[in-house]
Protein backbone atom coordinates (compact mmCIF):
# COMPACT_ATOMS: atom_id res chain seq x y z
CA MET A 1 94.89 152.93 103.73
CA GLU A 2 98.52 152.27 104.57
CA ASN A 3 99.61 149.48 102.19
CA GLY A 4 96.02 149.27 100.98
CA LEU A 5 93.45 151.28 99.08
CA SER A 6 94.18 154.76 97.78
CA GLN A 7 91.19 156.04 99.79
CA SER A 8 88.89 154.56 102.43
CA SER A 9 85.69 155.54 100.58
CA VAL A 10 84.92 153.17 97.68
CA LYS A 11 82.81 154.47 94.77
CA CYS A 12 82.56 151.28 92.67
CA VAL A 13 83.74 147.66 92.50
CA LEU A 14 84.10 145.27 89.58
CA VAL A 15 85.35 141.67 89.53
CA ASP A 16 86.71 140.60 86.14
CA GLU A 17 86.65 137.14 84.54
CA ARG A 18 89.99 136.24 86.18
CA GLY A 19 88.72 137.07 89.66
CA VAL A 20 90.69 140.32 89.91
CA MET A 21 88.84 142.97 91.91
CA TRP A 22 88.95 146.53 90.56
CA ILE A 23 88.01 149.22 93.10
CA GLY A 24 87.34 152.83 92.11
CA THR A 25 87.88 155.70 94.55
CA ARG A 26 88.21 159.49 94.35
CA PHE A 27 91.99 159.02 94.46
CA GLY A 28 92.59 156.31 91.87
CA LEU A 29 91.91 152.82 90.61
CA ASN A 30 92.90 149.94 92.88
CA ARG A 31 93.57 146.39 91.64
CA PHE A 32 93.35 143.51 94.12
CA ASP A 33 94.58 140.15 92.78
CA ARG A 34 94.03 138.17 96.04
CA GLU A 35 97.65 138.80 97.06
CA LYS A 36 98.27 142.54 96.89
CA ILE A 37 96.70 145.86 96.01
CA THR A 38 98.16 147.89 93.16
CA VAL A 39 97.12 151.55 92.90
CA TYR A 40 96.86 153.33 89.55
CA GLN A 41 96.69 157.12 89.64
CA GLU A 42 97.02 160.09 87.34
CA GLU A 43 100.64 160.99 86.59
CA ARG A 44 100.64 164.33 84.80
CA GLU A 45 103.96 163.70 83.02
CA ASN A 46 102.96 160.18 81.93
CA PRO A 47 100.59 160.07 78.92
CA ASN A 48 99.92 156.34 79.60
CA SER A 49 98.57 156.88 83.13
CA LEU A 50 94.95 157.44 84.12
CA PRO A 51 93.58 160.72 82.76
CA TYR A 52 92.17 161.57 86.24
CA ASN A 53 91.87 159.98 89.68
CA ASP A 54 88.12 160.07 90.32
CA ILE A 55 86.99 156.59 89.22
CA VAL A 56 83.32 155.77 88.57
CA PHE A 57 82.18 152.82 86.44
């Protein structure tokens, strides 16, 4: 998980039309663009963040 996914247990995976892999976990949404993983998580003070961390498609 260090420098990787927000959690080791994956709940769902989706590959979009650009080849970006979206990975849902209990602790956020992970975006893998073939170079790096970006983690999106709930930020209570940020109204533009995820509304919660448990991601299921």
